[in-house]
Amino acid sequence: MSLGDDKYLLLTTFRKSGVPVPTPVWAVRRGTSVYVWSAAQAGKVKRIRNNPAVTVAPCDVRGNPTGPPTSARATVLDDRGSAEVRALIAREYGLVGRLTLLGSALRRGRRGTVGIEIVPSTGG
């Protein structure tokens, strides 16, 4: 099983002080990258813009890790990339994913959410 094959992913971002902030998120894998989406103004998005170094691990819905963490780099995507991530999430999570995205769009508007690309580190 590869990272992003699980329904939930524990994305850990880091505050400027270095304190880790773990957050369970839906994830979709495409190629060697994993994609998640978030409210554009969420703390994790701000932390990624400040420091793209993250860790990711498979987890359950409550954020309890079910596998070891992997070092990775995260990138907040532009409007086009974010739209692609929303489409991937809708396809992967079916009706629940589409309803969640629709609710988010109604609350925040189309630009109120962003896609995040996560590329696991290759080591070395």
C-alpha atoms as a PDB file:
ATOM      1  CA  MET A   1       0.000   0.000   0.000  1.00  0.00           C
ATOM      2  CA  SER A   2       1.257   3.474  -0.885  1.00  0.00           C
ATOM      3  CA  LEU A   3       0.843   6.796   0.853  1.00  0.00           C
ATOM      4  CA  GLY A   4      -2.464   8.297  -0.205  1.00  0.00           C
ATOM      5  CA  ASP A   5      -4.148   4.908  -0.702  1.00  0.00           C
ATOM      6  CA  ASP A   6      -5.811   5.271   2.703  1.00  0.00           C
ATOM      7  CA  LYS A   7      -8.943   7.388   3.120  1.00  0.00           C
ATOM      8  CA  TYR A   8      -7.274   9.719   5.638  1.00  0.00           C
ATOM      9  CA  LEU A   9      -3.802  11.168   5.873  1.00  0.00           C
ATOM     10  CA  LEU A  10      -2.234  12.788   8.916  1.00  0.00           C
ATOM     11  CA  LEU A  11      -0.622  15.965   7.586  1.00  0.00           C
ATOM     12  CA  THR A  12       1.777  17.515  10.070  1.00  0.00           C
ATOM     13  CA  THR A  13       2.837  21.105   9.457  1.00  0.00           C
ATOM     14  CA  PHE A  14       5.188  23.137  11.624  1.00  0.00           C
ATOM     15  CA  ARG A  15       4.784  26.477  13.348  1.00  0.00           C
ATOM     16  CA  LYS A  16       7.607  29.028  13.134  1.00  0.00           C
ATOM     17  CA  SER A  17       8.673  27.831  16.587  1.00  0.00           C
ATOM     18  CA  GLY A  18       9.046  24.285  15.203  1.00  0.00           C
ATOM     19  CA  VAL A  19       6.012  22.940  17.096  1.00  0.00           C
ATOM     20  CA  PRO A  20       4.300  20.247  14.996  1.00  0.00           C
ATOM     21  CA  VAL A  21       0.579  20.597  14.204  1.00  0.00           C
ATOM     22  CA  PRO A  22      -0.980  17.320  12.978  1.00  0.00           C
ATOM     23  CA  THR A  23      -4.273  17.436  11.046  1.00  0.00           C
ATOM     24  CA  PRO A  24      -6.206  14.518   9.513  1.00  0.00           C
ATOM     25  CA  VAL A  25      -7.242  15.263   5.914  1.00  0.00           C
ATOM     26  CA  TRP A  26      -8.767  13.458   2.949  1.00  0.00           C
ATOM     27  CA  ALA A  27      -6.101  12.476   0.458  1.00  0.00           C
ATOM     28  CA  VAL A  28      -5.945  11.404  -3.169  1.00  0.00           C
ATOM     29  CA  ARG A  29      -2.848   9.967  -4.795  1.00  0.00           C
ATOM     30  CA  ARG A  30      -1.943  10.667  -8.404  1.00  0.00           C
ATOM     31  CA  GLY A  31       1.430   9.453  -9.582  1.00  0.00           C
ATOM     32  CA  THR A  32       4.056  10.068  -6.912  1.00  0.00           C
ATOM     33  CA  SER A  33       2.175  13.019  -5.394  1.00  0.00           C
ATOM     34  CA  VAL A  34      -0.608  13.108  -2.841  1.00  0.00           C
ATOM     35  CA  TYR A  35      -3.222  15.850  -2.969  1.00  0.00           C
ATOM     36  CA  VAL A  36      -5.390  17.308  -0.217  1.00  0.00           C
ATOM     37  CA  TRP A  37      -7.644  20.359  -0.019  1.00  0.00           C
ATOM     38  CA  SER A  38      -8.180  22.908   2.703  1.00  0.00           C
ATOM     39  CA  ALA A  39      -9.844  26.199   3.509  1.00  0.00           C
ATOM     40  CA  ALA A  40      -7.576  28.855   2.016  1.00  0.00           C
ATOM     41  CA  GLN A  41      -7.256  30.703   5.328  1.00  0.00           C
ATOM     42  CA  ALA A  42      -6.620  27.583   7.449  1.00  0.00           C
ATOM     43  CA  GLY A  43      -3.599  27.521   9.718  1.00  0.00           C
ATOM     44  CA  LYS A  44      -2.057  24.577   7.861  1.00  0.00           C
ATOM     45  CA  VAL A  45      -2.083  26.580   4.613  1.00  0.00           C
ATOM     46  CA  LYS A  46      -0.373  29.524   6.290  1.00  0.00           C
ATOM     47  CA  ARG A  47       2.205  27.201   7.866  1.00  0.00           C
ATOM     48  CA  ILE A  48       2.921  25.476   4.514  1.00  0.00           C
ATOM     49  CA  ARG A  49       3.481  28.841   2.844  1.00  0.00           C
ATOM     50  CA  ASN A  50       5.967  29.679   5.602  1.00  0.00           C
ATOM     51  CA  ASN A  51       7.636  26.236   5.710  1.00  0.00           C
ATOM     52  CA  PRO A  52       6.870  23.608   3.036  1.00  0.00           C
ATOM     53  CA  ALA A  53       8.526  20.793   5.037  1.00  0.00           C
ATOM     54  CA  VAL A  54       5.794  18.468   6.349  1.00  0.00           C
ATOM     55  CA  THR A  55       5.331  14.892   7.429  1.00  0.00           C
ATOM     56  CA  VAL A  56       2.515  12.627   6.323  1.00  0.00           C
ATOM     57  CA  ALA A  57       1.253   9.309   7.653  1.00  0.00           C
ATOM     58  CA  PRO A  58      -1.810   7.161   7.099  1.00  0.00           C
ATOM     59  CA  CYS A  59      -4.369   7.649   9.871  1.00  0.00           C
ATOM     60  CA  ASP A  60      -7.955   7.014  10.932  1.00  0.00           C
ATOM     61  CA  VAL A  61     -10.734   9.613  10.914  1.00  0.00           C
ATOM     62  CA  ARG A  62      -9.646  10.904  14.341  1.00  0.00           C
ATOM     63  CA  GLY A  63      -6.045  11.429  13.272  1.00  0.00           C
ATOM     64  CA  ASN A  64      -4.598   8.381  15.031  1.00  0.00           C
ATOM     65  CA  PRO A  65      -1.636   7.246  12.908  1.00  0.00           C
ATOM     66  CA  THR A  66      -1.968   3.785  11.366  1.00  0.00           C
ATOM     67  CA  GLY A  67       1.505   3.785   9.841  1.00  0.00           C
ATOM     68  CA  PRO A  68       4.872   5.518  10.093  1.00  0.00           C
ATOM     69  CA  PRO A  69       5.346   9.175   9.087  1.00  0.00           C
ATOM     70  CA  THR A  70       7.118  10.146   5.880  1.00  0.00           C
ATOM     71  CA  SER A  71       8.971  13.418   5.317  1.00  0.00           C
ATOM     72  CA  ALA A  72       7.577  15.429   2.427  1.00  0.00           C
ATOM     73  CA  ARG A  73       7.280  18.891   0.854  1.00  0.00           C
ATOM     74  CA  ALA A  74       3.926  20.588   0.402  1.00  0.00           C
ATOM     75  CA  THR A  75       2.937  23.226  -2.128  1.00  0.00           C
ATOM     76  CA  VAL A  76      -0.216  25.330  -2.090  1.00  0.00           C
ATOM     77  CA  LEU A  77      -1.616  25.192  -5.624  1.00  0.00           C
ATOM     78  CA  ASP A  78      -2.933  27.986  -7.842  1.00  0.00           C
ATOM     79  CA  ASP A  79      -6.583  28.261  -8.927  1.00  0.00           C
ATOM     80  CA  ARG A  80      -6.239  25.733 -11.746  1.00  0.00           C
ATOM     81  CA  GLY A  81      -4.404  23.185  -9.620  1.00  0.00           C
ATOM     82  CA  SER A  82      -6.903  23.669  -6.798  1.00  0.00           C
ATOM     83  CA  ALA A  83      -9.800  23.010  -9.199  1.00  0.00           C
ATOM     84  CA  GLU A  84      -8.102  19.777 -10.288  1.00  0.00           C
ATOM     85  CA  VAL A  85      -7.706  18.692  -6.654  1.00  0.00           C
ATOM     86  CA  ARG A  86     -11.386  19.409  -5.953  1.00  0.00           C
ATOM     87  CA  ALA A  87     -12.292  17.218  -8.965  1.00  0.00           C
ATOM     88  CA  LEU A  88     -10.010  14.415  -7.716  1.00  0.00           C
ATOM     89  CA  ILE A  89     -11.561  14.585  -4.230  1.00  0.00           C
ATOM     90  CA  ALA A  90     -15.098  14.540  -5.676  1.00  0.00           C
ATOM     91  CA  ARG A  91     -14.267  11.503  -7.803  1.00  0.00           C
ATOM     92  CA  GLU A  92     -12.463   9.622  -5.026  1.00  0.00           C
ATOM     93  CA  TYR A  93     -14.981  10.277  -2.248  1.00  0.00           C
ATOM     94  CA  GLY A  94     -18.175  10.071  -4.328  1.00  0.00           C
ATOM     95  CA  LEU A  95     -21.359  11.667  -3.071  1.00  0.00           C
ATOM     96  CA  VAL A  96     -19.924  12.555   0.348  1.00  0.00           C
ATOM     97  CA  GLY A  97     -16.950  14.257  -1.278  1.00  0.00           C
ATOM     98  CA  ARG A  98     -19.121  16.206  -3.707  1.00  0.00           C
ATOM     99  CA  LEU A  99     -21.505  17.331  -0.956  1.00  0.00           C
ATOM    100  CA  THR A 100     -18.612  18.392   1.273  1.00  0.00           C
ATOM    101  CA  LEU A 101     -17.025  20.385  -1.546  1.00  0.00           C
ATOM    102  CA  LEU A 102     -20.369  21.967  -2.434  1.00  0.00           C
ATOM    103  CA  GLY A 103     -20.966  22.998   1.182  1.00  0.00           C
ATOM    104  CA  SER A 104     -17.491  24.451   1.374  1.00  0.00           C
ATOM    105  CA  ALA A 105     -17.998  26.393  -1.878  1.00  0.00           C
ATOM    106  CA  LEU A 106     -21.296  27.793  -0.599  1.00  0.00           C
ATOM    107  CA  ARG A 107     -19.680  28.928   2.673  1.00  0.00           C
ATOM    108  CA  ARG A 108     -16.344  30.179   1.340  1.00  0.00           C
ATOM    109  CA  GLY A 109     -16.813  30.775  -2.374  1.00  0.00           C
ATOM    110  CA  ARG A 110     -14.799  29.135  -5.145  1.00  0.00           C
ATOM    111  CA  ARG A 111     -11.505  30.647  -4.023  1.00  0.00           C
ATOM    112  CA  GLY A 112     -12.157  29.844  -0.381  1.00  0.00           C
ATOM    113  CA  THR A 113     -10.436  26.486  -0.682  1.00  0.00           C
ATOM    114  CA  VAL A 114      -7.066  25.488  -2.098  1.00  0.00           C
ATOM    115  CA  GLY A 115      -5.442  22.298  -3.234  1.00  0.00           C
ATOM    116  CA  ILE A 116      -2.175  21.182  -1.687  1.00  0.00           C
ATOM    117  CA  GLU A 117       0.327  18.937  -3.444  1.00  0.00           C
ATOM    118  CA  ILE A 118       2.467  16.748  -1.205  1.00  0.00           C
ATOM    119  CA  VAL A 119       5.587  15.118  -2.610  1.00  0.00           C
ATOM    120  CA  PRO A 120       7.277  12.570  -0.345  1.00  0.00           C
ATOM    121  CA  SER A 121      11.010  13.120   0.112  1.00  0.00           C
ATOM    122  CA  THR A 122      13.246  10.659  -1.674  1.00  0.00           C
ATOM    123  CA  GLY A 123      15.841  10.700   1.071  1.00  0.00           C
ATOM    124  CA  GLY A 124      19.484  11.621   0.857  1.00  0.00           C
END
